[in-house]
Amino acid sequence: MSGLTKKIDFFLLFSVLGLIAMGLVALYSSSHTVMAQGSGTNYFVKQLFWTFLGLTIVAVVYFIPPRWIYQFSYFFYGFSIFLLVLVIFFGRIGYGAARWLRIGPFLLQPSELAKLATILALARYISREDCDLNQLKPFLLAALFPFVPFLLIARQPDLGTAMVFAALTLPMFYWAGLKGVNLTLIIIPFIMIFASFNFYAFLIIMLILLFFMIYSRRSRLLIIFVLLLNIVVGLTTPALWNHLKPYQRNRIIVFLDPESDPKGSGYQIIQSKVAIGSGGLTGKGFMQGSQTQLRFLPEQHTDFIYAVIGEEFGFRGVILGIVLFTIFFVRGIQIAASVKNKYNGIVAIGIVTVLLFQAVINMGMTIGLFPVTGLPLPFLSYGGSAMLTNLLMVGILLNFYRNKYEY
């Protein structure tokens, strides 16, 4: 047994268990009123079921040979794309989007599975010895892996989840050997999205980009391609803004000024900030939060679960969550750096990136730093598909730690 325990990353495991416990406590509190009335959904009991099922998956994945994960990656990716296509035709609509498939008594959200499937398949491709991401053709082929699910999920429409696929790509590319200069050229178009609404800002960034490419001695063909790409981004961004769904534009506008629509789109952010602010240092106490118990706080079992913690457990509860997430992310990066197998390291970075991105965006939106995107808080927010997928990721990280000396 002692030999087995030496192969378990207890820091990572206990940080996850701590986050799950926080989520269950917050879910019990947020569901307490509904449970007492005997109406509505008992999210706490359902989340307990998904948690125990997910922890069972962790135990199973921990012991499987790592090569199985590698060999299964393309099939898993193809299956996830198939499910995303099924959503287009048979998806169950909720919150204005078709995101779920009904399988018997359960609802499956394929976009959650697609996150992990894309990480595994992309890592398999870019870990090949003949894949040089600093060459245009391998780079474009690799970019197709996240681009396909990005399009399918954005079509649902679920732009928040779709952005996860954009976020996971560059860290994985960099870990696989993409040079810093080329990484900069890739980031520029994202900056251009914001600059495109101001002609002078757009012009200045284009000039800086041109001098940067000449200074770094890029080829003429690449200079032309990059300049044309950024021009296209600059010209199409305003048009794409006009084609966003009204609620998507409202989320961004309200993010900049929540008070512009306090009873409409700004209501969620305002109530969340009130809940967290009223918690103070020590909080109002378990099941004593007025915003939570009186149901003023919207979507408190999913998007705004962290606001429940802030109101009832105060600044100390919020900091505890940040500490646990930090431990998890640091250990995940250390696992990626310590494994001998290149594929395993890239997968680990992809997992850390996805969960870090979701955690930062979710916690940031509860205090108004980011627009409301609908991204759940990993391990805390209610959701069967998300919990199972996240714990499957944890199982893979623990598996790689156990086999970190294998090539």
Protein backbone atom coordinates (compact mmCIF):
# COMPACT_ATOMS: atom_id res chain seq x y z
CA MET A 1 0.00 0.00 0.00
CA SER A 2 2.87 2.37 0.79
CA GLY A 3 4.19 1.91 -2.76
CA LEU A 4 0.79 2.83 -4.14
CA THR A 5 0.41 5.95 -2.01
CA LYS A 6 3.78 7.22 -3.21
CA LYS A 7 2.34 7.27 -6.72
CA ILE A 8 -0.69 9.40 -5.81
CA ASP A 9 -0.49 13.18 -6.00
CA PHE A 10 -2.32 13.89 -2.76
CA PHE A 11 -2.00 17.67 -3.13
CA LEU A 12 -3.92 17.55 -6.39
CA LEU A 13 -6.42 14.96 -5.14
CA PHE A 14 -7.21 16.72 -1.86
CA SER A 15 -7.54 20.11 -3.56
CA VAL A 16 -10.19 18.62 -5.85
CA LEU A 17 -11.99 16.93 -2.96
CA GLY A 18 -11.94 20.23 -1.07
CA LEU A 19 -13.47 22.08 -4.01
CA ILE A 20 -16.15 19.41 -4.44
CA ALA A 21 -16.99 19.65 -0.72
CA MET A 22 -17.32 23.44 -1.00
CA GLY A 23 -19.63 23.02 -3.97
CA LEU A 24 -21.83 20.49 -2.18
CA VAL A 25 -22.13 22.73 0.88
CA ALA A 26 -23.12 25.69 -1.31
CA LEU A 27 -25.58 23.55 -3.29
CA TYR A 28 -27.21 22.28 -0.11
CA SER A 29 -27.64 25.84 1.11
CA SER A 30 -28.93 27.16 -2.21
CA SER A 31 -31.38 24.24 -2.50
CA HIS A 32 -32.48 24.34 1.14
CA THR A 33 -35.51 26.56 0.62
CA VAL A 34 -36.74 24.57 -2.37
CA MET A 35 -36.19 21.28 -0.54
CA ALA A 36 -38.10 22.52 2.52
CA GLN A 37 -41.05 23.48 0.34
CA GLY A 38 -40.98 20.12 -1.40
CA SER A 39 -40.89 21.74 -4.83
CA GLY A 40 -38.29 22.15 -7.52
CA THR A 41 -35.14 20.12 -8.15
CA ASN A 42 -32.96 18.74 -5.37
CA TYR A 43 -29.64 19.75 -6.92
CA PHE A 44 -27.68 18.64 -3.85
CA VAL A 45 -28.78 14.99 -4.05
CA LYS A 46 -28.27 14.88 -7.80
CA GLN A 47 -24.80 16.37 -7.48
CA LEU A 48 -23.93 13.76 -4.84
CA PHE A 49 -24.80 11.05 -7.36
CA TRP A 50 -22.65 12.61 -10.10
CA THR A 51 -19.80 13.11 -7.63
CA PHE A 52 -19.69 9.49 -6.50
CA LEU A 53 -19.95 8.31 -10.11
CA GLY A 54 -17.16 10.70 -11.09
CA LEU A 55 -14.88 9.57 -8.26
CA THR A 56 -15.43 5.98 -9.38
CA ILE A 57 -14.29 7.02 -12.85
CA VAL A 58 -11.19 8.64 -11.30
CA ALA A 59 -10.29 5.34 -9.61
CA VAL A 60 -10.75 3.37 -12.84
CA VAL A 61 -8.82 5.81 -15.04
CA TYR A 62 -5.99 5.98 -12.50
CA PHE A 63 -5.14 2.31 -13.07
CA ILE A 64 -5.48 2.00 -16.86
CA PRO A 65 -2.31 1.97 -19.01
CA PRO A 66 -1.53 5.51 -20.30
CA ARG A 67 -1.13 4.18 -23.85
CA TRP A 68 -4.86 3.37 -23.88
CA ILE A 69 -5.62 7.06 -23.47
CA TYR A 70 -3.31 7.83 -26.40
CA GLN A 71 -4.77 5.12 -28.63
CA PHE A 72 -8.38 6.01 -27.81
CA SER A 73 -7.97 9.77 -28.36
CA TYR A 74 -8.96 10.03 -32.04
CA PHE A 75 -11.99 7.78 -31.58
CA PHE A 76 -13.12 9.81 -28.57
CA TYR A 77 -12.75 13.02 -30.59
CA GLY A 78 -14.75 11.64 -33.50
CA PHE A 79 -17.48 10.42 -31.15
CA SER A 80 -17.72 13.83 -29.46
CA ILE A 81 -18.06 15.56 -32.86
CA PHE A 82 -20.81 13.09 -33.75
CA LEU A 83 -22.67 14.00 -30.54
CA LEU A 84 -22.30 17.72 -31.27
CA VAL A 85 -23.82 17.17 -34.72
CA LEU A 86 -26.70 15.24 -33.12
CA VAL A 87 -27.37 18.26 -30.91
CA ILE A 88 -28.12 20.30 -34.04
CA PHE A 89 -30.99 17.98 -34.96
CA PHE A 90 -32.14 16.52 -31.65
CA GLY A 91 -30.82 18.93 -29.02
CA ARG A 92 -32.98 19.88 -26.05
CA ILE A 93 -33.39 23.64 -25.80
CA GLY A 94 -32.69 25.45 -22.55
CA TYR A 95 -31.57 29.02 -21.74
CA GLY A 96 -32.12 29.93 -25.38
CA ALA A 97 -29.76 27.30 -26.81
CA ALA A 98 -29.85 23.64 -27.84
CA ARG A 99 -27.04 22.17 -25.75
CA TRP A 100 -28.27 18.84 -24.37
CA LEU A 101 -29.15 15.37 -25.61
CA ARG A 102 -31.69 13.32 -23.69
CA ILE A 103 -30.51 9.78 -22.99
CA GLY A 104 -33.25 8.02 -21.05
CA PRO A 105 -33.79 9.93 -17.79
CA PHE A 106 -30.50 11.82 -18.14
CA LEU A 107 -29.42 14.91 -20.05
CA LEU A 108 -25.96 14.83 -21.66
CA GLN A 109 -24.12 18.00 -22.64
CA PRO A 110 -21.76 16.89 -25.45
CA SER A 111 -19.79 20.15 -25.35
CA GLU A 112 -18.35 19.12 -21.98
CA LEU A 113 -17.07 15.82 -23.35
CA ALA A 114 -15.76 17.63 -26.43
CA LYS A 115 -13.39 19.70 -24.26
CA LEU A 116 -11.47 16.63 -23.10
CA ALA A 117 -11.80 14.84 -26.45
CA THR A 118 -10.26 17.83 -28.25
CA ILE A 119 -7.38 18.01 -25.77
CA LEU A 120 -6.57 14.31 -26.24
CA ALA A 121 -6.80 14.33 -30.05
CA LEU A 122 -4.94 17.62 -30.48
CA ALA A 123 -2.18 16.45 -28.13
CA ARG A 124 -1.79 13.23 -30.09
CA TYR A 125 -1.34 15.12 -33.36
CA ILE A 126 1.04 17.83 -32.14
CA SER A 127 3.16 15.38 -30.10
CA ARG A 128 4.22 13.60 -33.28
CA GLU A 129 7.89 13.93 -34.15
CA ASP A 130 7.07 15.11 -37.68
CA CYS A 131 4.69 17.85 -36.49
CA ASP A 132 6.48 21.20 -36.48
CA LEU A 133 3.97 23.85 -35.41
CA ASN A 134 6.32 26.57 -36.62
CA GLN A 135 5.49 25.47 -40.17
CA LEU A 136 2.23 26.73 -41.67
CA LYS A 137 0.73 23.42 -42.88
CA PRO A 138 1.12 21.45 -39.62
CA PHE A 139 -0.10 24.49 -37.70
CA LEU A 140 -3.28 24.84 -39.78
CA LEU A 141 -4.00 21.10 -39.60
CA ALA A 142 -3.58 21.15 -35.83
CA ALA A 143 -5.84 24.21 -35.55
CA LEU A 144 -8.67 22.24 -37.18
CA PHE A 145 -9.02 20.03 -34.08
CA PRO A 146 -10.35 22.81 -31.83
CA PHE A 147 -11.90 24.79 -34.70
CA VAL A 148 -14.50 22.14 -35.60
CA PRO A 149 -16.06 21.86 -32.10
CA PHE A 150 -15.73 25.64 -31.72
CA LEU A 151 -18.00 26.16 -34.73
CA LEU A 152 -20.50 23.48 -33.73
CA ILE A 153 -20.83 24.80 -30.18
CA ALA A 154 -20.97 28.46 -31.25
CA ARG A 155 -23.87 27.47 -33.50
CA GLN A 156 -25.96 26.18 -30.55
CA PRO A 157 -25.37 29.10 -29.63
CA ASP A 158 -23.04 28.73 -26.63
CA LEU A 159 -20.28 31.26 -27.21
CA GLY A 160 -18.91 30.96 -23.67
CA THR A 161 -18.18 27.24 -23.99
CA ALA A 162 -16.92 27.74 -27.55
CA MET A 163 -14.29 30.18 -26.26
CA VAL A 164 -12.83 27.39 -24.12
CA PHE A 165 -11.60 25.70 -27.32
CA ALA A 166 -9.86 28.90 -28.40
CA ALA A 167 -8.29 29.25 -24.94
CA LEU A 168 -6.85 25.72 -24.78
CA THR A 169 -5.13 25.88 -28.16
CA LEU A 170 -2.22 28.28 -27.70
CA PRO A 171 -0.87 26.90 -24.38
CA MET A 172 -0.89 23.39 -25.87
CA PHE A 173 0.82 24.65 -29.03
CA TYR A 174 3.46 26.48 -26.99
CA TRP A 175 4.11 23.40 -24.83
CA ALA A 176 4.50 21.34 -28.02
CA GLY A 177 7.24 23.65 -29.37
CA LEU A 178 5.62 26.70 -30.95
CA LYS A 179 8.16 29.55 -30.82
CA GLY A 180 7.44 32.70 -28.86
CA VAL A 181 7.69 34.92 -31.96
CA ASN A 182 5.08 32.85 -33.76
CA LEU A 183 2.92 32.80 -30.65
CA THR A 184 2.95 36.61 -30.69
CA LEU A 185 1.80 36.66 -34.32
CA ILE A 186 -1.13 34.43 -33.36
CA ILE A 187 -2.16 36.59 -30.41
CA ILE A 188 -2.19 39.81 -32.48
CA PRO A 189 -5.49 39.00 -34.30
CA PHE A 190 -7.25 38.67 -30.94
CA ILE A 191 -5.98 42.13 -29.99
CA MET A 192 -7.14 43.33 -33.40
CA ILE A 193 -10.70 42.29 -32.53
CA PHE A 194 -10.87 45.06 -29.93
CA ALA A 195 -8.85 47.56 -31.97
CA SER A 196 -11.09 47.13 -35.02
CA PHE A 197 -13.73 49.42 -33.52
CA ASN A 198 -11.30 52.36 -33.62
CA PHE A 199 -9.59 53.19 -36.92
CA TYR A 200 -6.53 54.83 -35.35
CA ALA A 201 -5.94 51.98 -32.90
CA PHE A 202 -6.29 49.54 -35.80
CA LEU A 203 -3.78 51.48 -37.89
CA ILE A 204 -1.21 51.75 -35.09
CA ILE A 205 -1.32 48.01 -34.33
CA MET A 206 -0.97 47.18 -38.03
CA LEU A 207 2.15 49.38 -38.27
CA ILE A 208 3.64 47.83 -35.13
CA LEU A 209 2.91 44.37 -36.56
CA LEU A 210 4.59 45.24 -39.85
CA PHE A 211 7.78 46.53 -38.19
CA PHE A 212 7.84 43.53 -35.83
CA MET A 213 7.70 41.06 -38.72
CA ILE A 214 10.37 42.89 -40.70
CA TYR A 215 12.61 43.09 -37.62
CA SER A 216 12.16 39.38 -36.89
CA ARG A 217 13.03 38.62 -40.54
CA ARG A 218 9.86 36.83 -41.53
CA SER A 219 9.47 35.72 -45.15
CA ARG A 220 7.58 37.94 -47.59
CA LEU A 221 4.86 35.31 -48.01
CA LEU A 222 4.29 35.10 -44.26
CA ILE A 223 4.27 38.90 -43.90
CA ILE A 224 1.60 39.19 -46.59
CA PHE A 225 -0.46 36.36 -45.09
CA VAL A 226 -0.38 37.78 -41.55
CA LEU A 227 -1.17 41.32 -42.67
CA LEU A 228 -4.10 40.14 -44.80
CA LEU A 229 -5.38 37.99 -41.93
CA ASN A 230 -5.39 40.92 -39.52
CA ILE A 231 -7.03 43.18 -42.09
CA VAL A 232 -9.79 40.61 -42.55
CA VAL A 233 -10.22 40.37 -38.76
CA GLY A 234 -10.39 44.14 -38.48
CA LEU A 235 -13.00 44.44 -41.23
CA THR A 236 -15.21 41.53 -40.21
CA THR A 237 -15.32 42.05 -36.44
CA PRO A 238 -17.80 44.98 -36.51
CA ALA A 239 -19.99 42.96 -38.91
CA LEU A 240 -19.88 39.93 -36.61
CA TRP A 241 -20.83 42.15 -33.68
CA ASN A 242 -23.98 43.15 -35.53
CA HIS A 243 -24.80 39.48 -36.14
CA LEU A 244 -24.54 38.44 -32.48
CA LYS A 245 -27.75 37.41 -30.77
CA PRO A 246 -29.31 40.34 -28.87
CA TYR A 247 -28.72 38.64 -25.51
CA GLN A 248 -25.03 38.11 -26.37
CA ARG A 249 -24.56 41.82 -27.18
CA ASN A 250 -26.47 42.75 -24.03
CA ARG A 251 -24.15 40.65 -21.89
CA ILE A 252 -21.12 42.56 -23.16
CA ILE A 253 -22.82 45.96 -22.87
CA VAL A 254 -24.09 45.18 -19.37
CA PHE A 255 -20.63 43.91 -18.41
CA LEU A 256 -19.31 47.39 -19.14
CA ASP A 257 -22.23 49.08 -17.38
CA PRO A 258 -24.49 46.76 -15.29
CA GLU A 259 -26.56 49.70 -14.10
CA SER A 260 -27.71 50.36 -17.66
CA ASP A 261 -30.23 47.52 -17.30
CA PRO A 262 -30.56 46.80 -13.55
CA LYS A 263 -33.84 44.86 -13.89
CA GLY A 264 -32.87 43.02 -17.03
CA SER A 265 -29.47 41.83 -18.25
CA GLY A 266 -27.63 43.61 -15.44
CA TYR A 267 -29.69 41.97 -12.69
CA GLN A 268 -27.48 38.88 -12.36
CA ILE A 269 -24.21 40.77 -11.93
CA ILE A 270 -25.73 43.33 -9.55
CA GLN A 271 -27.26 40.67 -7.28
CA SER A 272 -24.05 38.63 -7.34
CA LYS A 273 -21.96 41.64 -6.28
CA VAL A 274 -24.46 42.45 -3.54
CA ALA A 275 -24.30 38.86 -2.25
CA ILE A 276 -20.51 38.72 -2.17
CA GLY A 277 -20.16 42.22 -0.73
CA SER A 278 -22.67 41.57 2.04
CA GLY A 279 -20.70 38.49 3.15
CA GLY A 280 -17.89 40.64 4.54
CA LEU A 281 -14.93 38.89 6.14
CA THR A 282 -16.63 35.96 7.86
CA GLY A 283 -19.94 35.65 5.97
CA LYS A 284 -23.52 35.55 7.18
CA GLY A 285 -23.33 31.89 8.11
CA PHE A 286 -24.35 28.59 6.55
CA MET A 287 -27.90 28.83 5.11
CA GLN A 288 -28.16 32.42 6.42
CA GLY A 289 -27.48 34.35 3.22
CA SER A 290 -30.45 36.57 2.42
CA GLN A 291 -29.69 36.85 -1.30
CA THR A 292 -29.36 33.08 -1.51
CA GLN A 293 -32.23 31.97 0.71
CA LEU A 294 -34.71 34.54 -0.63
CA ARG A 295 -33.78 33.52 -4.20
CA PHE A 296 -32.68 37.01 -5.24
CA LEU A 297 -29.43 35.53 -6.56
CA PRO A 298 -30.12 34.02 -10.02
CA GLU A 299 -28.66 30.70 -11.20
CA GLN A 300 -27.12 30.22 -7.78
CA HIS A 301 -26.64 26.48 -8.29
CA THR A 302 -24.65 26.90 -11.52
CA ASP A 303 -23.21 30.20 -12.82
CA PHE A 304 -23.23 32.03 -9.47
CA ILE A 305 -22.39 29.25 -7.01
CA TYR A 306 -19.30 31.21 -5.93
CA ALA A 307 -21.50 34.15 -4.90
CA VAL A 308 -23.29 31.79 -2.48
CA ILE A 309 -19.93 30.97 -0.89
CA GLY A 310 -19.01 34.64 -0.74
CA GLU A 311 -22.26 35.61 0.98
CA GLU A 312 -22.45 32.80 3.53
CA PHE A 313 -18.75 32.22 4.24
CA GLY A 314 -17.36 35.64 3.42
CA PHE A 315 -13.89 36.58 2.29
CA ARG A 316 -12.42 33.56 4.07
CA GLY A 317 -14.56 31.17 2.02
CA VAL A 318 -13.67 32.96 -1.22
CA ILE A 319 -9.94 32.84 -0.43
CA LEU A 320 -10.14 29.16 0.51
CA GLY A 321 -11.59 28.41 -2.92
CA ILE A 322 -8.84 30.41 -4.63
CA VAL A 323 -6.16 28.59 -2.61
CA LEU A 324 -7.57 25.17 -3.52
CA PHE A 325 -7.75 26.09 -7.19
CA THR A 326 -4.20 27.43 -7.06
CA ILE A 327 -2.90 24.18 -5.54
CA PHE A 328 -4.67 22.20 -8.24
CA PHE A 329 -3.31 24.32 -11.10
CA VAL A 330 0.25 24.41 -9.75
CA ARG A 331 0.29 20.65 -9.31
CA GLY A 332 -1.17 20.19 -12.80
CA ILE A 333 1.61 22.27 -14.35
CA GLN A 334 4.22 20.41 -12.31
CA ILE A 335 2.86 17.11 -13.59
CA ALA A 336 3.06 18.42 -17.16
CA ALA A 337 6.68 19.44 -16.59
CA SER A 338 7.74 16.21 -14.87
CA VAL A 339 6.31 13.52 -17.16
CA LYS A 340 8.74 11.97 -19.63
CA ASN A 341 6.13 11.32 -22.30
CA LYS A 342 5.58 14.37 -24.55
CA TYR A 343 1.94 13.48 -25.25
CA ASN A 344 1.15 13.21 -21.55
CA GLY A 345 2.71 16.60 -20.85
CA ILE A 346 0.70 18.33 -23.59
CA VAL A 347 -2.54 16.72 -22.38
CA ALA A 348 -1.82 17.85 -18.81
CA ILE A 349 -1.30 21.45 -19.97
CA GLY A 350 -4.54 21.29 -21.95
CA ILE A 351 -6.48 20.07 -18.92
CA VAL A 352 -5.00 22.74 -16.66
CA THR A 353 -5.74 25.45 -19.25
CA VAL A 354 -9.40 24.46 -19.68
CA LEU A 355 -10.14 24.29 -15.95
CA LEU A 356 -8.10 27.44 -15.19
CA PHE A 357 -9.88 29.40 -17.93
CA GLN A 358 -13.31 28.35 -16.66
CA ALA A 359 -12.44 29.07 -13.03
CA VAL A 360 -11.04 32.54 -13.75
CA ILE A 361 -13.94 33.52 -16.03
CA ASN A 362 -16.61 32.20 -13.65
CA MET A 363 -15.18 33.78 -10.51
CA GLY A 364 -14.47 37.00 -12.41
CA MET A 365 -18.03 37.31 -13.69
CA THR A 366 -19.48 37.00 -10.17
CA ILE A 367 -17.78 40.28 -9.26
CA GLY A 368 -18.26 41.97 -12.64
CA LEU A 369 -14.75 41.53 -14.03
CA PHE A 370 -16.05 39.49 -16.98
CA PRO A 371 -19.39 39.30 -18.79
CA VAL A 372 -21.81 36.52 -17.85
CA THR A 373 -20.82 33.63 -20.13
CA GLY A 374 -22.62 30.62 -18.65
CA LEU A 375 -19.35 28.79 -17.95
CA PRO A 376 -19.68 26.61 -14.83
CA LEU A 377 -17.17 26.75 -11.98
CA PRO A 378 -15.23 23.44 -12.11
CA PHE A 379 -16.06 21.00 -9.29
CA LEU A 380 -18.49 23.44 -7.63
CA SER A 381 -21.27 24.29 -10.08
CA TYR A 382 -24.13 21.84 -10.50
CA GLY A 383 -24.00 19.71 -13.64
CA GLY A 384 -23.60 16.01 -14.31
CA SER A 385 -21.79 16.25 -17.64
CA ALA A 386 -19.38 18.87 -16.30
CA MET A 387 -18.65 16.96 -13.07
CA LEU A 388 -18.01 13.67 -14.86
CA THR A 389 -15.78 15.31 -17.48
CA ASN A 390 -13.82 17.31 -14.91
CA LEU A 391 -13.23 14.26 -12.72
CA LEU A 392 -12.23 12.27 -15.80
CA MET A 393 -9.59 14.95 -16.38
CA VAL A 394 -8.45 14.58 -12.77
CA GLY A 395 -8.17 10.82 -13.23
CA ILE A 396 -5.97 11.35 -16.28
CA LEU A 397 -3.69 13.76 -14.40
CA LEU A 398 -3.32 11.30 -11.53
CA ASN A 399 -2.64 8.52 -14.04
CA PHE A 400 0.12 10.55 -15.69
CA TYR A 401 1.64 11.35 -12.30
CA ARG A 402 1.64 7.62 -11.46
CA ASN A 403 3.41 6.85 -14.76
CA LYS A 404 5.51 10.00 -15.05
CA TYR A 405 8.77 8.11 -15.67
CA GLU A 406 7.37 6.16 -18.63
CA TYR A 407 8.06 7.30 -22.19
